[in-house]
């Protein structure tokens, strides 16, 4: 993953991804979520899903908290890509993203999320 940013505290404006022998860019604004996948992260974007050898923690450290939110230990969501916020039968917060991916918030993150969006 290559950085292309104006501010080192923010995620890059675009991310360079290596897929086999080819490289291509994904615009950060097109990213729906980052998902932990072993030693990799899955980058879910408007263009599909790609793998990057990176950690979710390193992405989270560079992400603006009002733009990307750590929903649980495996998923970091783009707040601009939230389609729906609901509750499960167990009264857990479930977020549906623009790509129809459903994310369940951990109990600890639910409190932070409620504070962030003032539910």
PDB file of N, CA and C in Angstrom:
ATOM      1  N   UNK A   1       0.850  -1.162   0.000  1.00  0.00           N
ATOM      2  CA  UNK A   1       0.000   0.000   0.000  1.00  0.00           C
ATOM      3  C   UNK A   1       0.901   1.231   0.000  1.00  0.00           C
ATOM      4  N   UNK A   2       0.620   2.147  -0.875  1.00  0.00           N
ATOM      5  CA  UNK A   2       1.416   3.365  -1.012  1.00  0.00           C
ATOM      6  C   UNK A   2       0.588   4.565  -0.583  1.00  0.00           C
ATOM      7  N   UNK A   3       1.256   5.514   0.073  1.00  0.00           N
ATOM      8  CA  UNK A   3       0.566   6.704   0.558  1.00  0.00           C
ATOM      9  C   UNK A   3       0.574   7.808  -0.481  1.00  0.00           C
ATOM     10  N   UNK A   4      -0.532   8.540  -0.564  1.00  0.00           N
ATOM     11  CA  UNK A   4      -0.647   9.731  -1.413  1.00  0.00           C
ATOM     12  C   UNK A   4      -1.565  10.684  -0.679  1.00  0.00           C
ATOM     13  N   UNK A   5      -0.988  11.496   0.240  1.00  0.00           N
ATOM     14  CA  UNK A   5      -1.800  12.324   1.111  1.00  0.00           C
ATOM     15  C   UNK A   5      -1.180  13.689   1.322  1.00  0.00           C
ATOM     16  N   UNK A   6      -2.005  14.654   1.675  1.00  0.00           N
ATOM     17  CA  UNK A   6      -1.534  15.988   1.998  1.00  0.00           C
ATOM     18  C   UNK A   6      -1.218  16.114   3.480  1.00  0.00           C
ATOM     19  N   UNK A   7      -1.806  15.264   4.315  1.00  0.00           N
ATOM     20  CA  UNK A   7      -1.652  15.347   5.755  1.00  0.00           C
ATOM     21  C   UNK A   7      -1.309  13.950   6.267  1.00  0.00           C
ATOM     22  N   UNK A   8      -0.176  13.791   6.941  1.00  0.00           N
ATOM     23  CA  UNK A   8       0.280  12.475   7.375  1.00  0.00           C
ATOM     24  C   UNK A   8      -0.625  11.870   8.442  1.00  0.00           C
ATOM     25  N   UNK A   9      -1.549  12.640   9.020  1.00  0.00           N
ATOM     26  CA  UNK A   9      -2.477  12.114  10.013  1.00  0.00           C
ATOM     27  C   UNK A   9      -3.726  11.515   9.388  1.00  0.00           C
ATOM     28  N   UNK A  10      -3.890  11.679   8.103  1.00  0.00           N
ATOM     29  CA  UNK A  10      -5.069  11.157   7.414  1.00  0.00           C
ATOM     30  C   UNK A  10      -4.691   9.979   6.537  1.00  0.00           C
ATOM     31  N   UNK A  11      -5.699   9.165   6.227  1.00  0.00           N
ATOM     32  CA  UNK A  11      -5.483   8.135   5.227  1.00  0.00           C
ATOM     33  C   UNK A  11      -5.138   8.815   3.908  1.00  0.00           C
ATOM     34  N   UNK A  12      -4.406   8.148   3.049  1.00  0.00           N
ATOM     35  CA  UNK A  12      -4.097   8.744   1.756  1.00  0.00           C
ATOM     36  C   UNK A  12      -5.356   8.976   0.933  1.00  0.00           C
ATOM     37  N   UNK A  13      -5.267   9.909  -0.018  1.00  0.00           N
ATOM     38  CA  UNK A  13      -6.401  10.167  -0.915  1.00  0.00           C
ATOM     39  C   UNK A  13      -6.669   8.966  -1.794  1.00  0.00           C
ATOM     40  N   UNK A  14      -5.614   8.218  -2.072  1.00  0.00           N
ATOM     41  CA  UNK A  14      -5.774   6.979  -2.828  1.00  0.00           C
ATOM     42  C   UNK A  14      -4.762   5.971  -2.313  1.00  0.00           C
ATOM     43  N   UNK A  15      -5.091   4.706  -2.494  1.00  0.00           N
ATOM     44  CA  UNK A  15      -4.243   3.612  -2.026  1.00  0.00           C
ATOM     45  C   UNK A  15      -3.809   2.800  -3.231  1.00  0.00           C
ATOM     46  N   UNK A  16      -2.515   2.538  -3.314  1.00  0.00           N
ATOM     47  CA  UNK A  16      -1.979   1.713  -4.385  1.00  0.00           C
ATOM     48  C   UNK A  16      -2.004   0.258  -3.930  1.00  0.00           C
ATOM     49  N   UNK A  17      -2.681  -0.581  -4.678  1.00  0.00           N
ATOM     50  CA  UNK A  17      -2.843  -1.994  -4.360  1.00  0.00           C
ATOM     51  C   UNK A  17      -2.101  -2.829  -5.391  1.00  0.00           C
ATOM     52  N   UNK A  18      -1.385  -3.846  -4.910  1.00  0.00           N
ATOM     53  CA  UNK A  18      -0.731  -4.795  -5.818  1.00  0.00           C
ATOM     54  C   UNK A  18      -1.615  -6.034  -5.893  1.00  0.00           C
ATOM     55  N   UNK A  19      -1.969  -6.413  -7.111  1.00  0.00           N
ATOM     56  CA  UNK A  19      -2.769  -7.607  -7.361  1.00  0.00           C
ATOM     57  C   UNK A  19      -1.984  -8.464  -8.349  1.00  0.00           C
ATOM     58  N   UNK A  20      -1.316  -9.482  -7.831  1.00  0.00           N
ATOM     59  CA  UNK A  20      -0.431 -10.281  -8.681  1.00  0.00           C
ATOM     60  C   UNK A  20       0.743  -9.429  -9.115  1.00  0.00           C
ATOM     61  N   UNK A  21       0.907  -9.243 -10.408  1.00  0.00           N
ATOM     62  CA  UNK A  21       1.988  -8.412 -10.937  1.00  0.00           C
ATOM     63  C   UNK A  21       1.523  -7.010 -11.314  1.00  0.00           C
ATOM     64  N   UNK A  22       0.229  -6.722 -11.118  1.00  0.00           N
ATOM     65  CA  UNK A  22      -0.322  -5.426 -11.502  1.00  0.00           C
ATOM     66  C   UNK A  22      -0.596  -4.560 -10.277  1.00  0.00           C
ATOM     67  N   UNK A  23      -0.496  -3.259 -10.489  1.00  0.00           N
ATOM     68  CA  UNK A  23      -0.809  -2.280  -9.457  1.00  0.00           C
ATOM     69  C   UNK A  23      -1.967  -1.410  -9.934  1.00  0.00           C
ATOM     70  N   UNK A  24      -2.807  -0.984  -8.993  1.00  0.00           N
ATOM     71  CA  UNK A  24      -3.867  -0.050  -9.333  1.00  0.00           C
ATOM     72  C   UNK A  24      -4.224   0.768  -8.102  1.00  0.00           C
ATOM     73  N   UNK A  25      -4.889   1.911  -8.316  1.00  0.00           N
ATOM     74  CA  UNK A  25      -5.269   2.812  -7.239  1.00  0.00           C
ATOM     75  C   UNK A  25      -6.740   2.643  -6.870  1.00  0.00           C
ATOM     76  N   UNK A  26      -7.029   2.792  -5.579  1.00  0.00           N
ATOM     77  CA  UNK A  26      -8.400   2.882  -5.076  1.00  0.00           C
ATOM     78  C   UNK A  26      -8.503   4.221  -4.355  1.00  0.00           C
ATOM     79  N   UNK A  27      -9.488   5.015  -4.705  1.00  0.00           N
ATOM     80  CA  UNK A  27      -9.726   6.290  -4.023  1.00  0.00           C
ATOM     81  C   UNK A  27     -10.247   6.000  -2.614  1.00  0.00           C
ATOM     82  N   UNK A  28      -9.683   6.678  -1.615  1.00  0.00           N
ATOM     83  CA  UNK A  28     -10.094   6.461  -0.228  1.00  0.00           C
ATOM     84  C   UNK A  28     -11.589   6.705  -0.043  1.00  0.00           C
ATOM     85  N   UNK A  29     -12.136   7.697  -0.736  1.00  0.00           N
ATOM     86  CA  UNK A  29     -13.572   7.987  -0.612  1.00  0.00           C
ATOM     87  C   UNK A  29     -14.441   6.865  -1.164  1.00  0.00           C
ATOM     88  N   UNK A  30     -13.879   5.982  -1.998  1.00  0.00           N
ATOM     89  CA  UNK A  30     -14.631   4.857  -2.546  1.00  0.00           C
ATOM     90  C   UNK A  30     -14.616   3.638  -1.628  1.00  0.00           C
ATOM     91  N   UNK A  31     -13.797   3.694  -0.573  1.00  0.00           N
ATOM     92  CA  UNK A  31     -13.678   2.555   0.337  1.00  0.00           C
ATOM     93  C   UNK A  31     -14.895   2.503   1.254  1.00  0.00           C
ATOM     94  N   UNK A  32     -15.513   1.329   1.316  1.00  0.00           N
ATOM     95  CA  UNK A  32     -16.681   1.111   2.161  1.00  0.00           C
ATOM     96  C   UNK A  32     -16.230   0.648   3.539  1.00  0.00           C
ATOM     97  N   UNK A  33     -15.308  -0.316   3.574  1.00  0.00           N
ATOM     98  CA  UNK A  33     -14.765  -0.785   4.845  1.00  0.00           C
ATOM     99  C   UNK A  33     -13.460  -1.516   4.644  1.00  0.00           C
ATOM    100  N   UNK A  34     -12.709  -1.578   5.724  1.00  0.00           N
ATOM    101  CA  UNK A  34     -11.508  -2.401   5.818  1.00  0.00           C
ATOM    102  C   UNK A  34     -11.868  -3.553   6.752  1.00  0.00           C
ATOM    103  N   UNK A  35     -11.482  -4.767   6.356  1.00  0.00           N
ATOM    104  CA  UNK A  35     -11.815  -5.949   7.150  1.00  0.00           C
ATOM    105  C   UNK A  35     -10.558  -6.773   7.392  1.00  0.00           C
ATOM    106  N   UNK A  36     -10.296  -7.096   8.641  1.00  0.00           N
ATOM    107  CA  UNK A  36      -9.144  -7.923   8.988  1.00  0.00           C
ATOM    108  C   UNK A  36      -9.318  -9.311   8.391  1.00  0.00           C
ATOM    109  N   UNK A  37      -8.225  -9.834   7.817  1.00  0.00           N
ATOM    110  CA  UNK A  37      -8.271 -11.141   7.161  1.00  0.00           C
ATOM    111  C   UNK A  37      -6.905 -11.800   7.344  1.00  0.00           C
ATOM    112  N   UNK A  38      -6.692 -12.396   8.521  1.00  0.00           N
ATOM    113  CA  UNK A  38      -5.395 -12.984   8.840  1.00  0.00           C
ATOM    114  C   UNK A  38      -4.325 -11.916   8.904  1.00  0.00           C
ATOM    115  N   UNK A  39      -3.234 -12.093   8.146  1.00  0.00           N
ATOM    116  CA  UNK A  39      -2.157 -11.103   8.090  1.00  0.00           C
ATOM    117  C   UNK A  39      -2.426 -10.024   7.043  1.00  0.00           C
ATOM    118  N   UNK A  40      -3.600 -10.011   6.481  1.00  0.00           N
ATOM    119  CA  UNK A  40      -3.976  -9.067   5.439  1.00  0.00           C
ATOM    120  C   UNK A  40      -5.204  -8.275   5.883  1.00  0.00           C
ATOM    121  N   UNK A  41      -5.567  -7.295   5.070  1.00  0.00           N
ATOM    122  CA  UNK A  41      -6.867  -6.653   5.224  1.00  0.00           C
ATOM    123  C   UNK A  41      -7.580  -6.741   3.880  1.00  0.00           C
ATOM    124  N   UNK A  42      -8.877  -6.940   3.956  1.00  0.00           N
ATOM    125  CA  UNK A  42      -9.714  -6.853   2.769  1.00  0.00           C
ATOM    126  C   UNK A  42     -10.171  -5.410   2.673  1.00  0.00           C
ATOM    127  N   UNK A  43     -10.008  -4.836   1.506  1.00  0.00           N
ATOM    128  CA  UNK A  43     -10.466  -3.478   1.262  1.00  0.00           C
ATOM    129  C   UNK A  43     -11.713  -3.585   0.395  1.00  0.00           C
ATOM    130  N   UNK A  44     -12.870  -3.311   1.000  1.00  0.00           N
ATOM    131  CA  UNK A  44     -14.142  -3.340   0.281  1.00  0.00           C
ATOM    132  C   UNK A  44     -14.368  -1.941  -0.275  1.00  0.00           C
ATOM    133  N   UNK A  45     -14.480  -1.847  -1.586  1.00  0.00           N
ATOM    134  CA  UNK A  45     -14.686  -0.536  -2.211  1.00  0.00           C
ATOM    135  C   UNK A  45     -15.828  -0.622  -3.216  1.00  0.00           C
ATOM    136  N   UNK A  46     -16.127   0.508  -3.832  1.00  0.00           N
ATOM    137  CA  UNK A  46     -17.148   0.536  -4.879  1.00  0.00           C
ATOM    138  C   UNK A  46     -16.760  -0.358  -6.046  1.00  0.00           C
ATOM    139  N   UNK A  47     -15.481  -0.646  -6.189  1.00  0.00           N
ATOM    140  CA  UNK A  47     -14.973  -1.454  -7.308  1.00  0.00           C
ATOM    141  C   UNK A  47     -14.905  -2.940  -6.993  1.00  0.00           C
ATOM    142  N   UNK A  48     -15.104  -3.330  -5.731  1.00  0.00           N
ATOM    143  CA  UNK A  48     -15.002  -4.738  -5.352  1.00  0.00           C
ATOM    144  C   UNK A  48     -14.172  -4.911  -4.097  1.00  0.00           C
ATOM    145  N   UNK A  49     -13.570  -6.081  -3.948  1.00  0.00           N
ATOM    146  CA  UNK A  49     -12.780  -6.407  -2.760  1.00  0.00           C
ATOM    147  C   UNK A  49     -11.357  -6.736  -3.179  1.00  0.00           C
ATOM    148  N   UNK A  50     -10.386  -6.145  -2.473  1.00  0.00           N
ATOM    149  CA  UNK A  50      -8.977  -6.398  -2.734  1.00  0.00           C
ATOM    150  C   UNK A  50      -8.271  -6.698  -1.422  1.00  0.00           C
ATOM    151  N   UNK A  51      -7.154  -7.402  -1.498  1.00  0.00           N
ATOM    152  CA  UNK A  51      -6.340  -7.708  -0.322  1.00  0.00           C
ATOM    153  C   UNK A  51      -5.121  -6.812  -0.283  1.00  0.00           C
ATOM    154  N   UNK A  52      -4.714  -6.447   0.918  1.00  0.00           N
ATOM    155  CA  UNK A  52      -3.499  -5.670   1.110  1.00  0.00           C
ATOM    156  C   UNK A  52      -2.786  -6.213   2.335  1.00  0.00           C
ATOM    157  N   UNK A  53      -1.476  -6.318   2.248  1.00  0.00           N
ATOM    158  CA  UNK A  53      -0.698  -6.794   3.397  1.00  0.00           C
ATOM    159  C   UNK A  53      -0.481  -5.606   4.317  1.00  0.00           C
ATOM    160  N   UNK A  54      -1.383  -5.460   5.254  1.00  0.00           N
ATOM    161  CA  UNK A  54      -1.367  -4.345   6.184  1.00  0.00           C
ATOM    162  C   UNK A  54      -2.169  -4.775   7.400  1.00  0.00           C
ATOM    163  N   UNK A  55      -2.113  -4.007   8.461  1.00  0.00           N
ATOM    164  CA  UNK A  55      -2.921  -4.328   9.633  1.00  0.00           C
ATOM    165  C   UNK A  55      -4.038  -3.308   9.791  1.00  0.00           C
ATOM    166  N   UNK A  56      -5.125  -3.752  10.366  1.00  0.00           N
ATOM    167  CA  UNK A  56      -6.252  -2.866  10.612  1.00  0.00           C
ATOM    168  C   UNK A  56      -5.850  -1.760  11.591  1.00  0.00           C
ATOM    169  N   UNK A  57      -5.010  -2.095  12.541  1.00  0.00           N
ATOM    170  CA  UNK A  57      -4.552  -1.096  13.520  1.00  0.00           C
ATOM    171  C   UNK A  57      -3.784   0.030  12.859  1.00  0.00           C
ATOM    172  N   UNK A  58      -2.935  -0.296  11.885  1.00  0.00           N
ATOM    173  CA  UNK A  58      -2.160   0.755  11.219  1.00  0.00           C
ATOM    174  C   UNK A  58      -3.062   1.664  10.390  1.00  0.00           C
ATOM    175  N   UNK A  59      -4.102   1.096   9.786  1.00  0.00           N
ATOM    176  CA  UNK A  59      -5.068   1.901   9.034  1.00  0.00           C
ATOM    177  C   UNK A  59      -5.840   2.789  10.004  1.00  0.00           C
ATOM    178  N   UNK A  60      -6.286   2.209  11.106  1.00  0.00           N
ATOM    179  CA  UNK A  60      -7.084   2.956  12.082  1.00  0.00           C
ATOM    180  C   UNK A  60      -6.298   4.138  12.663  1.00  0.00           C
ATOM    181  N   UNK A  61      -5.020   3.953  12.899  1.00  0.00           N
ATOM    182  CA  UNK A  61      -4.195   5.034  13.453  1.00  0.00           C
ATOM    183  C   UNK A  61      -4.130   6.242  12.523  1.00  0.00           C
ATOM    184  N   UNK A  62      -4.216   6.009  11.222  1.00  0.00           N
ATOM    185  CA  UNK A  62      -4.125   7.101  10.249  1.00  0.00           C
ATOM    186  C   UNK A  62      -5.481   7.646   9.832  1.00  0.00           C
ATOM    187  N   UNK A  63      -6.541   6.943  10.181  1.00  0.00           N
ATOM    188  CA  UNK A  63      -7.881   7.347   9.728  1.00  0.00           C
ATOM    189  C   UNK A  63      -8.460   8.447  10.616  1.00  0.00           C
ATOM    190  N   UNK A  64      -9.162   9.371   9.976  1.00  0.00           N
ATOM    191  CA  UNK A  64      -9.878  10.403  10.743  1.00  0.00           C
ATOM    192  C   UNK A  64     -11.045   9.730  11.467  1.00  0.00           C
ATOM    193  N   UNK A  65     -11.180   9.960  12.777  1.00  0.00           N
ATOM    194  CA  UNK A  65     -12.228   9.275  13.547  1.00  0.00           C
ATOM    195  C   UNK A  65     -13.647   9.617  13.108  1.00  0.00           C
ATOM    196  N   UNK A  66     -13.865  10.784  12.527  1.00  0.00           N
ATOM    197  CA  UNK A  66     -15.216  11.117  12.088  1.00  0.00           C
ATOM    198  C   UNK A  66     -15.504  10.597  10.677  1.00  0.00           C
ATOM    199  N   UNK A  67     -14.515   9.974  10.051  1.00  0.00           N
ATOM    200  CA  UNK A  67     -14.690   9.434   8.700  1.00  0.00           C
ATOM    201  C   UNK A  67     -14.703   7.905   8.724  1.00  0.00           C
ATOM    202  N   UNK A  68     -13.763   7.307   9.435  1.00  0.00           N
ATOM    203  CA  UNK A  68     -13.698   5.851   9.579  1.00  0.00           C
ATOM    204  C   UNK A  68     -13.860   5.494  11.051  1.00  0.00           C
ATOM    205  N   UNK A  69     -14.659   4.467  11.317  1.00  0.00           N
ATOM    206  CA  UNK A  69     -14.964   4.067  12.682  1.00  0.00           C
ATOM    207  C   UNK A  69     -14.679   2.590  12.864  1.00  0.00           C
ATOM    208  N   UNK A  70     -13.960   2.239  13.933  1.00  0.00           N
ATOM    209  CA  UNK A  70     -13.660   0.841  14.244  1.00  0.00           C
ATOM    210  C   UNK A  70     -14.890   0.228  14.894  1.00  0.00           C
ATOM    211  N   UNK A  71     -15.630  -0.567  14.136  1.00  0.00           N
ATOM    212  CA  UNK A  71     -16.899  -1.128  14.585  1.00  0.00           C
ATOM    213  C   UNK A  71     -16.722  -2.296  15.553  1.00  0.00           C
ATOM    214  N   UNK A  72     -15.660  -3.038  15.352  1.00  0.00           N
ATOM    215  CA  UNK A  72     -15.351  -4.209  16.177  1.00  0.00           C
ATOM    216  C   UNK A  72     -13.884  -4.559  15.922  1.00  0.00           C
ATOM    217  N   UNK A  73     -13.424  -5.676  16.413  1.00  0.00           N
ATOM    218  CA  UNK A  73     -11.989  -5.975  16.269  1.00  0.00           C
ATOM    219  C   UNK A  73     -11.583  -6.334  14.836  1.00  0.00           C
ATOM    220  N   UNK A  74     -12.562  -6.599  13.967  1.00  0.00           N
ATOM    221  CA  UNK A  74     -12.241  -7.023  12.600  1.00  0.00           C
ATOM    222  C   UNK A  74     -12.622  -6.041  11.505  1.00  0.00           C
ATOM    223  N   UNK A  75     -13.404  -4.988  11.831  1.00  0.00           N
ATOM    224  CA  UNK A  75     -13.917  -4.121  10.772  1.00  0.00           C
ATOM    225  C   UNK A  75     -13.801  -2.633  11.116  1.00  0.00           C
ATOM    226  N   UNK A  76     -13.354  -1.878  10.119  1.00  0.00           N
ATOM    227  CA  UNK A  76     -13.246  -0.417  10.184  1.00  0.00           C
ATOM    228  C   UNK A  76     -14.112   0.119   9.056  1.00  0.00           C
ATOM    229  N   UNK A  77     -15.177   0.850   9.403  1.00  0.00           N
ATOM    230  CA  UNK A  77     -16.165   1.247   8.395  1.00  0.00           C
ATOM    231  C   UNK A  77     -16.033   2.719   8.021  1.00  0.00           C
ATOM    232  N   UNK A  78     -16.407   3.020   6.788  1.00  0.00           N
ATOM    233  CA  UNK A  78     -16.465   4.399   6.308  1.00  0.00           C
ATOM    234  C   UNK A  78     -17.830   4.951   6.714  1.00  0.00           C
ATOM    235  N   UNK A  79     -17.836   5.966   7.564  1.00  0.00           N
ATOM    236  CA  UNK A  79     -19.083   6.536   8.076  1.00  0.00           C
ATOM    237  C   UNK A  79     -19.956   7.099   6.951  1.00  0.00           C
ATOM    238  N   UNK A  80     -19.337   7.537   5.870  1.00  0.00           N
ATOM    239  CA  UNK A  80     -20.092   8.080   4.737  1.00  0.00           C
ATOM    240  C   UNK A  80     -20.807   6.996   3.935  1.00  0.00           C
ATOM    241  N   UNK A  81     -20.487   5.738   4.186  1.00  0.00           N
ATOM    242  CA  UNK A  81     -21.075   4.628   3.419  1.00  0.00           C
ATOM    243  C   UNK A  81     -22.157   3.885   4.200  1.00  0.00           C
ATOM    244  N   UNK A  82     -22.595   4.462   5.333  1.00  0.00           N
ATOM    245  CA  UNK A  82     -23.666   3.832   6.105  1.00  0.00           C
ATOM    246  C   UNK A  82     -24.994   4.026   5.380  1.00  0.00           C
ATOM    247  N   UNK A  83     -25.661   2.916   5.135  1.00  0.00           N
ATOM    248  CA  UNK A  83     -26.964   2.944   4.463  1.00  0.00           C
ATOM    249  C   UNK A  83     -28.100   2.884   5.483  1.00  0.00           C
ATOM    250  N   UNK A  84     -27.916   2.057   6.533  1.00  0.00           N
ATOM    251  CA  UNK A  84     -28.974   1.836   7.503  1.00  0.00           C
ATOM    252  C   UNK A  84     -28.359   1.458   8.848  1.00  0.00           C
ATOM    253  N   UNK A  85     -29.011   1.898   9.921  1.00  0.00           N
ATOM    254  CA  UNK A  85     -28.613   1.519  11.279  1.00  0.00           C
ATOM    255  C   UNK A  85     -29.829   0.879  11.922  1.00  0.00           C
ATOM    256  N   UNK A  86     -29.655  -0.341  12.406  1.00  0.00           N
ATOM    257  CA  UNK A  86     -30.771  -1.048  13.036  1.00  0.00           C
ATOM    258  C   UNK A  86     -30.309  -1.800  14.266  1.00  0.00           C
ATOM    259  N   UNK A  87     -31.190  -2.597  14.785  1.00  0.00           N
ATOM    260  CA  UNK A  87     -30.892  -3.416  15.965  1.00  0.00           C
ATOM    261  C   UNK A  87     -31.235  -4.870  15.659  1.00  0.00           C
ATOM    262  N   UNK A  88     -30.453  -5.768  16.234  1.00  0.00           N
ATOM    263  CA  UNK A  88     -30.716  -7.200  16.100  1.00  0.00           C
ATOM    264  C   UNK A  88     -31.724  -7.611  17.168  1.00  0.00           C
ATOM    265  N   UNK A  89     -32.123  -8.866  17.154  1.00  0.00           N
ATOM    266  CA  UNK A  89     -33.038  -9.397  18.169  1.00  0.00           C
ATOM    267  C   UNK A  89     -32.416  -9.304  19.561  1.00  0.00           C
ATOM    268  N   UNK A  90     -31.088  -9.354  19.621  1.00  0.00           N
ATOM    269  CA  UNK A  90     -30.369  -9.261  20.893  1.00  0.00           C
ATOM    270  C   UNK A  90     -30.047  -7.822  21.264  1.00  0.00           C
ATOM    271  N   UNK A  91     -30.659  -6.862  20.581  1.00  0.00           N
ATOM    272  CA  UNK A  91     -30.502  -5.429  20.823  1.00  0.00           C
ATOM    273  C   UNK A  91     -29.076  -4.923  20.550  1.00  0.00           C
ATOM    274  N   UNK A  92     -28.370  -5.575  19.638  1.00  0.00           N
ATOM    275  CA  UNK A  92     -27.055  -5.114  19.197  1.00  0.00           C
ATOM    276  C   UNK A  92     -27.249  -4.174  18.010  1.00  0.00           C
ATOM    277  N   UNK A  93     -26.371  -3.188  17.889  1.00  0.00           N
ATOM    278  CA  UNK A  93     -26.445  -2.289  16.742  1.00  0.00           C
ATOM    279  C   UNK A  93     -25.874  -2.989  15.523  1.00  0.00           C
ATOM    280  N   UNK A  94     -26.655  -2.986  14.449  1.00  0.00           N
ATOM    281  CA  UNK A  94     -26.210  -3.556  13.179  1.00  0.00           C
ATOM    282  C   UNK A  94     -26.267  -2.476  12.111  1.00  0.00           C
ATOM    283  N   UNK A  95     -25.156  -2.299  11.427  1.00  0.00           N
ATOM    284  CA  UNK A  95     -25.051  -1.289  10.383  1.00  0.00           C
ATOM    285  C   UNK A  95     -25.010  -1.981   9.034  1.00  0.00           C
ATOM    286  N   UNK A  96     -25.828  -1.501   8.114  1.00  0.00           N
ATOM    287  CA  UNK A  96     -25.779  -1.968   6.736  1.00  0.00           C
ATOM    288  C   UNK A  96     -25.065  -0.889   5.935  1.00  0.00           C
ATOM    289  N   UNK A  97     -24.040  -1.296   5.210  1.00  0.00           N
ATOM    290  CA  UNK A  97     -23.247  -0.362   4.421  1.00  0.00           C
ATOM    291  C   UNK A  97     -23.763  -0.295   2.986  1.00  0.00           C
ATOM    292  N   UNK A  98     -23.241   0.638   2.227  1.00  0.00           N
ATOM    293  CA  UNK A  98     -23.713   0.868   0.855  1.00  0.00           C
ATOM    294  C   UNK A  98     -23.558  -0.349  -0.052  1.00  0.00           C
ATOM    295  N   UNK A  99     -22.627  -1.247   0.268  1.00  0.00           N
ATOM    296  CA  UNK A  99     -22.441  -2.462  -0.525  1.00  0.00           C
ATOM    297  C   UNK A  99     -23.244  -3.637   0.037  1.00  0.00           C
ATOM    298  N   UNK A 100     -24.172  -3.338   0.966  1.00  0.00           N
ATOM    299  CA  UNK A 100     -25.057  -4.313   1.621  1.00  0.00           C
ATOM    300  C   UNK A 100     -24.337  -5.182   2.648  1.00  0.00           C
ATOM    301  N   UNK A 101     -23.066  -4.930   2.906  1.00  0.00           N
ATOM    302  CA  UNK A 101     -22.319  -5.643   3.947  1.00  0.00           C
ATOM    303  C   UNK A 101     -22.891  -5.237   5.307  1.00  0.00           C
ATOM    304  N   UNK A 102     -23.181  -6.204   6.160  1.00  0.00           N
ATOM    305  CA  UNK A 102     -23.724  -5.927   7.483  1.00  0.00           C
ATOM    306  C   UNK A 102     -22.620  -6.050   8.522  1.00  0.00           C
ATOM    307  N   UNK A 103     -22.561  -5.059   9.409  1.00  0.00           N
ATOM    308  CA  UNK A 103     -21.529  -4.985  10.438  1.00  0.00           C
ATOM    309  C   UNK A 103     -22.211  -4.908  11.792  1.00  0.00           C
ATOM    310  N   UNK A 104     -21.804  -5.791  12.699  1.00  0.00           N
ATOM    311  CA  UNK A 104     -22.325  -5.798  14.054  1.00  0.00           C
ATOM    312  C   UNK A 104     -21.339  -5.054  14.954  1.00  0.00           C
ATOM    313  N   UNK A 105     -21.804  -4.042  15.670  1.00  0.00           N
ATOM    314  CA  UNK A 105     -20.927  -3.298  16.562  1.00  0.00           C
ATOM    315  C   UNK A 105     -20.722  -4.069  17.856  1.00  0.00           C
ATOM    316  N   UNK A 106     -19.490  -4.044  18.354  1.00  0.00           N
ATOM    317  CA  UNK A 106     -19.229  -4.645  19.656  1.00  0.00           C
ATOM    318  C   UNK A 106     -19.909  -3.777  20.707  1.00  0.00           C
ATOM    319  N   UNK A 107     -20.112  -4.313  21.902  1.00  0.00           N
ATOM    320  CA  UNK A 107     -20.779  -3.558  22.965  1.00  0.00           C
ATOM    321  C   UNK A 107     -20.017  -2.274  23.283  1.00  0.00           C
ATOM    322  N   UNK A 108     -18.707  -2.376  23.402  1.00  0.00           N
ATOM    323  CA  UNK A 108     -17.884  -1.209  23.728  1.00  0.00           C
ATOM    324  C   UNK A 108     -17.951  -0.163  22.621  1.00  0.00           C
ATOM    325  N   UNK A 109     -17.907  -0.607  21.389  1.00  0.00           N
ATOM    326  CA  UNK A 109     -17.951   0.326  20.254  1.00  0.00           C
ATOM    327  C   UNK A 109     -19.350   0.906  20.063  1.00  0.00           C
ATOM    328  N   UNK A 110     -20.384   0.202  20.501  1.00  0.00           N
ATOM    329  CA  UNK A 110     -21.744   0.726  20.403  1.00  0.00           C
ATOM    330  C   UNK A 110     -21.890   2.007  21.216  1.00  0.00           C
ATOM    331  N   UNK A 111     -21.279   2.033  22.398  1.00  0.00           N
ATOM    332  CA  UNK A 111     -21.332   3.225  23.247  1.00  0.00           C
ATOM    333  C   UNK A 111     -20.644   4.388  22.541  1.00  0.00           C
ATOM    334  N   UNK A 112     -19.458   4.142  21.977  1.00  0.00           N
ATOM    335  CA  UNK A 112     -18.724   5.191  21.264  1.00  0.00           C
ATOM    336  C   UNK A 112     -19.485   5.656  20.028  1.00  0.00           C
ATOM    337  N   UNK A 113     -20.082   4.713  19.314  1.00  0.00           N
ATOM    338  CA  UNK A 113     -20.842   5.043  18.111  1.00  0.00           C
ATOM    339  C   UNK A 113     -22.040   5.927  18.456  1.00  0.00           C
ATOM    340  N   UNK A 114     -22.768   5.565  19.521  1.00  0.00           N
ATOM    341  CA  UNK A 114     -23.910   6.377  19.949  1.00  0.00           C
ATOM    342  C   UNK A 114     -23.488   7.807  20.297  1.00  0.00           C
ATOM    343  N   UNK A 115     -22.342   7.938  20.954  1.00  0.00           N
ATOM    344  CA  UNK A 115     -21.823   9.273  21.281  1.00  0.00           C
ATOM    345  C   UNK A 115     -21.437  10.030  20.019  1.00  0.00           C
ATOM    346  N   UNK A 116     -20.845   9.327  19.089  1.00  0.00           N
ATOM    347  CA  UNK A 116     -20.373   9.954  17.855  1.00  0.00           C
ATOM    348  C   UNK A 116     -21.519  10.482  17.006  1.00  0.00           C
ATOM    349  N   UNK A 117     -22.569   9.699  16.881  1.00  0.00           N
ATOM    350  CA  UNK A 117     -23.679  10.129  16.021  1.00  0.00           C
ATOM    351  C   UNK A 117     -24.871  10.653  16.821  1.00  0.00           C
ATOM    352  N   UNK A 118     -24.734  10.680  18.125  1.00  0.00           N
ATOM    353  CA  UNK A 118     -25.774  11.245  19.016  1.00  0.00           C
ATOM    354  C   UNK A 118     -27.114  10.539  18.871  1.00  0.00           C
ATOM    355  N   UNK A 119     -27.092   9.184  18.940  1.00  0.00           N
ATOM    356  CA  UNK A 119     -28.356   8.409  18.887  1.00  0.00           C
ATOM    357  C   UNK A 119     -29.134   8.550  20.171  1.00  0.00           C
TER     358      UNK A 119
END
